[in-house]
């Protein structure tokens, strides 16, 4: 993410910019917030189209495992999927940056 505006709290709306979509802003809402466990961001109007991103922290011995998953669904998905940027590189960079910061780098 190159920019995130808004409060990360249940029911709050965010404004997110990513490098794969310059000049475009995404506006998910925080639809689930369980501190130190799980957070879900959702955008769109189901059943037409919805994108849901889930962040999960899981204890793994003396460390913590982080997973991030995104699901796109809805009747309009086949029509708009070609206009959605490839978020895989963004997610990979996000995870690498998070790991670096958590490990003190």
N, C-alpha and C. Protein backbone atom coordinates (compact mmCIF):
# COMPACT_ATOMS: atom_id res chain seq x y z
N UNK A 1 0.84 -1.16 0.00
CA UNK A 1 0.00 0.00 0.00
C UNK A 1 0.89 1.23 0.00
N UNK A 2 0.52 2.18 -0.81
CA UNK A 2 1.28 3.41 -0.83
C UNK A 2 0.66 4.46 0.08
N UNK A 3 -0.62 4.27 0.39
CA UNK A 3 -1.29 5.21 1.28
C UNK A 3 -2.55 4.56 1.84
N UNK A 4 -2.81 4.83 3.10
CA UNK A 4 -4.06 4.38 3.73
C UNK A 4 -4.55 5.51 4.63
N UNK A 5 -5.80 5.89 4.42
CA UNK A 5 -6.42 6.94 5.23
C UNK A 5 -7.64 6.36 5.91
N UNK A 6 -7.90 6.81 7.12
CA UNK A 6 -9.06 6.36 7.87
C UNK A 6 -8.64 5.59 9.10
N UNK A 7 -9.57 5.43 9.98
CA UNK A 7 -9.33 4.71 11.24
C UNK A 7 -9.61 3.23 11.04
N UNK A 8 -8.66 2.40 11.43
CA UNK A 8 -8.86 0.95 11.34
C UNK A 8 -9.59 0.52 12.60
N UNK A 9 -10.93 0.53 12.49
CA UNK A 9 -11.81 0.18 13.60
C UNK A 9 -13.12 -0.34 13.00
N UNK A 10 -13.80 -1.17 13.75
CA UNK A 10 -15.04 -1.79 13.27
C UNK A 10 -16.02 -0.73 12.75
N UNK A 11 -16.52 -0.97 11.53
CA UNK A 11 -17.50 -0.09 10.92
C UNK A 11 -16.93 1.12 10.22
N UNK A 12 -15.64 1.35 10.30
CA UNK A 12 -15.03 2.52 9.68
C UNK A 12 -14.65 2.24 8.23
N UNK A 13 -14.70 3.28 7.42
CA UNK A 13 -14.34 3.19 6.01
C UNK A 13 -12.91 3.68 5.82
N UNK A 14 -12.17 2.99 4.95
CA UNK A 14 -10.79 3.33 4.66
C UNK A 14 -10.66 3.82 3.23
N UNK A 15 -9.60 4.52 2.93
CA UNK A 15 -9.24 4.90 1.57
C UNK A 15 -7.82 4.38 1.35
N UNK A 16 -7.67 3.47 0.40
CA UNK A 16 -6.40 2.78 0.18
C UNK A 16 -5.93 3.02 -1.24
N UNK A 17 -4.64 3.33 -1.38
CA UNK A 17 -4.02 3.43 -2.69
C UNK A 17 -2.91 2.40 -2.76
N UNK A 18 -2.79 1.75 -3.93
CA UNK A 18 -1.77 0.72 -4.13
C UNK A 18 -0.99 1.04 -5.40
N UNK A 19 0.28 0.62 -5.47
CA UNK A 19 1.11 0.97 -6.62
C UNK A 19 0.63 0.37 -7.95
N UNK A 20 -0.11 -0.72 -7.93
CA UNK A 20 -0.56 -1.34 -9.19
C UNK A 20 -1.77 -0.62 -9.77
N UNK A 21 -2.32 0.36 -9.06
CA UNK A 21 -3.47 1.12 -9.56
C UNK A 21 -3.26 2.60 -9.25
N UNK A 22 -2.23 3.23 -9.87
CA UNK A 22 -1.95 4.63 -9.56
C UNK A 22 -3.14 5.53 -9.87
N UNK A 23 -3.39 6.45 -8.95
CA UNK A 23 -4.49 7.38 -9.12
C UNK A 23 -5.85 6.82 -8.75
N UNK A 24 -5.91 5.55 -8.42
CA UNK A 24 -7.18 4.90 -8.06
C UNK A 24 -7.18 4.63 -6.55
N UNK A 25 -8.30 4.87 -5.93
CA UNK A 25 -8.44 4.63 -4.50
C UNK A 25 -9.50 3.57 -4.26
N UNK A 26 -9.23 2.67 -3.33
CA UNK A 26 -10.19 1.63 -2.95
C UNK A 26 -10.75 2.00 -1.58
N UNK A 27 -12.04 1.74 -1.36
CA UNK A 27 -12.70 2.19 -0.14
C UNK A 27 -13.39 1.11 0.65
N UNK A 28 -12.63 0.14 1.16
CA UNK A 28 -13.28 -0.90 1.96
C UNK A 28 -13.70 -0.39 3.34
N UNK A 29 -14.63 -1.11 3.94
CA UNK A 29 -15.03 -0.87 5.33
C UNK A 29 -14.50 -2.00 6.19
N UNK A 30 -14.17 -1.69 7.42
CA UNK A 30 -13.73 -2.71 8.38
C UNK A 30 -14.99 -3.41 8.89
N UNK A 31 -15.20 -4.66 8.47
CA UNK A 31 -16.44 -5.37 8.81
C UNK A 31 -16.26 -6.38 9.94
N UNK A 32 -15.02 -6.65 10.32
CA UNK A 32 -14.74 -7.50 11.48
C UNK A 32 -13.41 -7.04 12.05
N UNK A 33 -13.35 -6.89 13.36
CA UNK A 33 -12.11 -6.46 14.00
C UNK A 33 -11.98 -7.14 15.34
N UNK A 34 -11.09 -8.12 15.40
CA UNK A 34 -10.78 -8.84 16.63
C UNK A 34 -9.30 -8.60 16.90
N UNK A 35 -8.95 -7.60 17.74
CA UNK A 35 -7.55 -7.25 17.96
C UNK A 35 -6.67 -8.46 18.25
N UNK A 36 -5.52 -8.46 17.59
CA UNK A 36 -4.50 -9.49 17.74
C UNK A 36 -4.96 -10.86 17.25
N UNK A 37 -6.08 -10.91 16.48
CA UNK A 37 -6.56 -12.18 15.95
C UNK A 37 -6.94 -12.10 14.47
N UNK A 38 -7.94 -11.25 14.17
CA UNK A 38 -8.46 -11.24 12.80
C UNK A 38 -9.10 -9.89 12.49
N UNK A 39 -9.00 -9.54 11.21
CA UNK A 39 -9.62 -8.32 10.72
C UNK A 39 -10.11 -8.60 9.30
N UNK A 40 -11.28 -8.05 8.96
CA UNK A 40 -11.85 -8.23 7.62
C UNK A 40 -12.21 -6.86 7.06
N UNK A 41 -11.79 -6.62 5.81
CA UNK A 41 -12.17 -5.43 5.07
C UNK A 41 -13.06 -5.86 3.92
N UNK A 42 -14.17 -5.19 3.70
CA UNK A 42 -15.10 -5.53 2.61
C UNK A 42 -15.45 -4.28 1.82
N UNK A 43 -15.64 -4.49 0.51
CA UNK A 43 -16.03 -3.40 -0.38
C UNK A 43 -16.96 -3.94 -1.44
N UNK A 44 -17.98 -3.19 -1.78
CA UNK A 44 -18.93 -3.59 -2.82
C UNK A 44 -20.29 -3.90 -2.23
N UNK A 45 -21.17 -4.36 -3.11
CA UNK A 45 -22.56 -4.65 -2.72
C UNK A 45 -22.96 -6.03 -3.21
N UNK A 46 -22.91 -7.01 -2.34
CA UNK A 46 -23.30 -8.36 -2.68
C UNK A 46 -24.82 -8.40 -2.83
N UNK A 47 -25.39 -9.06 -3.81
CA UNK A 47 -24.82 -10.10 -4.67
C UNK A 47 -24.22 -9.59 -5.98
N UNK A 48 -24.18 -8.28 -6.20
CA UNK A 48 -23.62 -7.78 -7.46
C UNK A 48 -22.11 -7.99 -7.52
N UNK A 49 -21.38 -7.44 -6.55
CA UNK A 49 -19.94 -7.63 -6.49
C UNK A 49 -19.47 -7.27 -5.08
N UNK A 50 -18.57 -8.08 -4.58
CA UNK A 50 -17.96 -7.78 -3.27
C UNK A 50 -16.54 -8.33 -3.26
N UNK A 51 -15.65 -7.53 -2.73
CA UNK A 51 -14.28 -7.97 -2.45
C UNK A 51 -14.11 -8.00 -0.95
N UNK A 52 -13.56 -9.10 -0.44
CA UNK A 52 -13.35 -9.25 1.00
C UNK A 52 -11.90 -9.66 1.24
N UNK A 53 -11.22 -8.90 2.09
CA UNK A 53 -9.84 -9.22 2.45
C UNK A 53 -9.81 -9.56 3.93
N UNK A 54 -9.26 -10.72 4.25
CA UNK A 54 -9.18 -11.19 5.63
C UNK A 54 -7.72 -11.29 6.06
N UNK A 55 -7.41 -10.67 7.18
CA UNK A 55 -6.08 -10.72 7.79
C UNK A 55 -6.21 -11.56 9.06
N UNK A 56 -5.36 -12.56 9.22
CA UNK A 56 -5.45 -13.44 10.39
C UNK A 56 -4.07 -13.61 11.03
N UNK A 57 -4.04 -13.55 12.36
CA UNK A 57 -2.84 -13.83 13.14
C UNK A 57 -3.10 -15.10 13.94
N UNK A 58 -2.16 -16.06 13.85
CA UNK A 58 -2.31 -17.34 14.54
C UNK A 58 -1.03 -17.65 15.31
N UNK A 59 -1.18 -17.96 16.59
CA UNK A 59 -0.01 -18.33 17.39
C UNK A 59 0.60 -19.60 16.81
N UNK A 60 1.94 -19.58 16.68
CA UNK A 60 2.68 -20.74 16.16
C UNK A 60 3.93 -20.92 17.03
N UNK A 61 3.73 -21.56 18.17
CA UNK A 61 4.83 -21.71 19.12
C UNK A 61 5.20 -20.36 19.71
N UNK A 62 6.46 -19.96 19.54
CA UNK A 62 6.89 -18.66 20.07
C UNK A 62 6.78 -17.55 19.04
N UNK A 63 6.22 -17.86 17.90
CA UNK A 63 6.05 -16.84 16.88
C UNK A 63 4.57 -16.72 16.50
N UNK A 64 4.31 -15.87 15.54
CA UNK A 64 2.94 -15.65 15.08
C UNK A 64 2.90 -15.78 13.57
N UNK A 65 1.93 -16.52 13.07
CA UNK A 65 1.76 -16.68 11.62
C UNK A 65 0.74 -15.66 11.13
N UNK A 66 1.08 -14.99 10.04
CA UNK A 66 0.21 -14.00 9.43
C UNK A 66 -0.29 -14.55 8.10
N UNK A 67 -1.61 -14.50 7.88
CA UNK A 67 -2.16 -14.86 6.58
C UNK A 67 -3.09 -13.74 6.11
N UNK A 68 -3.11 -13.56 4.81
CA UNK A 68 -3.96 -12.56 4.19
C UNK A 68 -4.61 -13.23 2.98
N UNK A 69 -5.92 -13.07 2.90
CA UNK A 69 -6.68 -13.73 1.82
C UNK A 69 -7.66 -12.74 1.23
N UNK A 70 -7.81 -12.76 -0.07
CA UNK A 70 -8.79 -11.88 -0.71
C UNK A 70 -9.72 -12.74 -1.55
N UNK A 71 -11.01 -12.43 -1.45
CA UNK A 71 -12.04 -13.15 -2.19
C UNK A 71 -12.89 -12.15 -2.94
N UNK A 72 -13.03 -12.35 -4.24
CA UNK A 72 -13.93 -11.56 -5.07
C UNK A 72 -15.09 -12.45 -5.43
N UNK A 73 -16.31 -11.91 -5.33
CA UNK A 73 -17.50 -12.70 -5.65
C UNK A 73 -18.62 -11.80 -6.12
N UNK A 74 -19.59 -12.39 -6.80
CA UNK A 74 -20.78 -11.66 -7.20
C UNK A 74 -21.11 -11.85 -8.68
N UNK A 75 -22.31 -11.46 -9.02
CA UNK A 75 -22.82 -11.64 -10.37
C UNK A 75 -22.03 -10.86 -11.42
N UNK A 76 -21.47 -9.72 -11.04
CA UNK A 76 -20.75 -8.89 -12.00
C UNK A 76 -19.27 -9.26 -12.13
N UNK A 77 -18.78 -10.17 -11.32
CA UNK A 77 -17.36 -10.52 -11.34
C UNK A 77 -16.88 -10.91 -12.74
N UNK A 78 -17.59 -11.76 -13.48
CA UNK A 78 -17.08 -12.11 -14.81
C UNK A 78 -16.94 -10.90 -15.74
N UNK A 79 -17.75 -9.88 -15.54
CA UNK A 79 -17.69 -8.70 -16.40
C UNK A 79 -16.60 -7.72 -16.01
N UNK A 80 -16.23 -7.67 -14.72
CA UNK A 80 -15.27 -6.66 -14.29
C UNK A 80 -13.91 -7.22 -13.89
N UNK A 81 -13.75 -8.53 -13.86
CA UNK A 81 -12.49 -9.09 -13.36
C UNK A 81 -11.29 -8.63 -14.19
N UNK A 82 -11.49 -8.37 -15.47
CA UNK A 82 -10.39 -7.90 -16.30
C UNK A 82 -9.93 -6.50 -15.95
N UNK A 83 -10.77 -5.72 -15.29
CA UNK A 83 -10.39 -4.35 -14.92
C UNK A 83 -9.74 -4.29 -13.54
N UNK A 84 -9.73 -5.40 -12.82
CA UNK A 84 -9.11 -5.43 -11.48
C UNK A 84 -7.61 -5.63 -11.62
N UNK A 85 -6.82 -4.82 -10.93
CA UNK A 85 -5.36 -5.00 -11.00
C UNK A 85 -4.94 -6.31 -10.33
N UNK A 86 -3.76 -6.79 -10.70
CA UNK A 86 -3.20 -7.99 -10.08
C UNK A 86 -2.63 -7.59 -8.72
N UNK A 87 -3.31 -7.99 -7.66
CA UNK A 87 -2.89 -7.61 -6.31
C UNK A 87 -1.84 -8.54 -5.72
N UNK A 88 -1.51 -9.64 -6.37
CA UNK A 88 -0.55 -10.60 -5.79
C UNK A 88 0.79 -9.93 -5.46
N UNK A 89 1.39 -9.16 -6.38
CA UNK A 89 2.65 -8.51 -6.00
C UNK A 89 2.50 -7.55 -4.82
N UNK A 90 1.37 -6.85 -4.74
CA UNK A 90 1.12 -5.94 -3.63
C UNK A 90 1.03 -6.72 -2.33
N UNK A 91 0.30 -7.84 -2.33
CA UNK A 91 0.17 -8.66 -1.13
C UNK A 91 1.51 -9.22 -0.71
N UNK A 92 2.30 -9.68 -1.68
CA UNK A 92 3.62 -10.23 -1.36
C UNK A 92 4.51 -9.17 -0.71
N UNK A 93 4.49 -7.95 -1.27
CA UNK A 93 5.30 -6.87 -0.71
C UNK A 93 4.80 -6.48 0.68
N UNK A 94 3.48 -6.44 0.84
CA UNK A 94 2.88 -6.11 2.14
C UNK A 94 3.35 -7.11 3.20
N UNK A 95 3.30 -8.41 2.87
CA UNK A 95 3.71 -9.44 3.82
C UNK A 95 5.20 -9.34 4.12
N UNK A 96 6.01 -9.09 3.10
CA UNK A 96 7.47 -8.97 3.31
C UNK A 96 7.79 -7.76 4.18
N UNK A 97 7.11 -6.63 3.93
CA UNK A 97 7.34 -5.43 4.75
C UNK A 97 6.90 -5.66 6.18
N UNK A 98 5.76 -6.32 6.37
CA UNK A 98 5.29 -6.62 7.72
C UNK A 98 6.27 -7.51 8.46
N UNK A 99 6.77 -8.52 7.78
CA UNK A 99 7.75 -9.43 8.39
C UNK A 99 9.02 -8.66 8.80
N UNK A 100 9.51 -7.83 7.91
CA UNK A 100 10.72 -7.05 8.18
C UNK A 100 10.53 -6.17 9.42
N UNK A 101 9.40 -5.47 9.49
CA UNK A 101 9.13 -4.58 10.63
C UNK A 101 8.99 -5.40 11.92
N UNK A 102 8.28 -6.51 11.86
CA UNK A 102 8.07 -7.33 13.06
C UNK A 102 9.38 -7.95 13.57
N UNK A 103 10.30 -8.21 12.65
CA UNK A 103 11.58 -8.80 13.04
C UNK A 103 12.62 -7.74 13.38
N UNK A 104 12.18 -6.47 13.42
CA UNK A 104 13.07 -5.39 13.83
C UNK A 104 13.95 -4.83 12.74
N UNK A 105 13.60 -5.11 11.48
CA UNK A 105 14.42 -4.64 10.35
C UNK A 105 14.04 -3.30 9.84
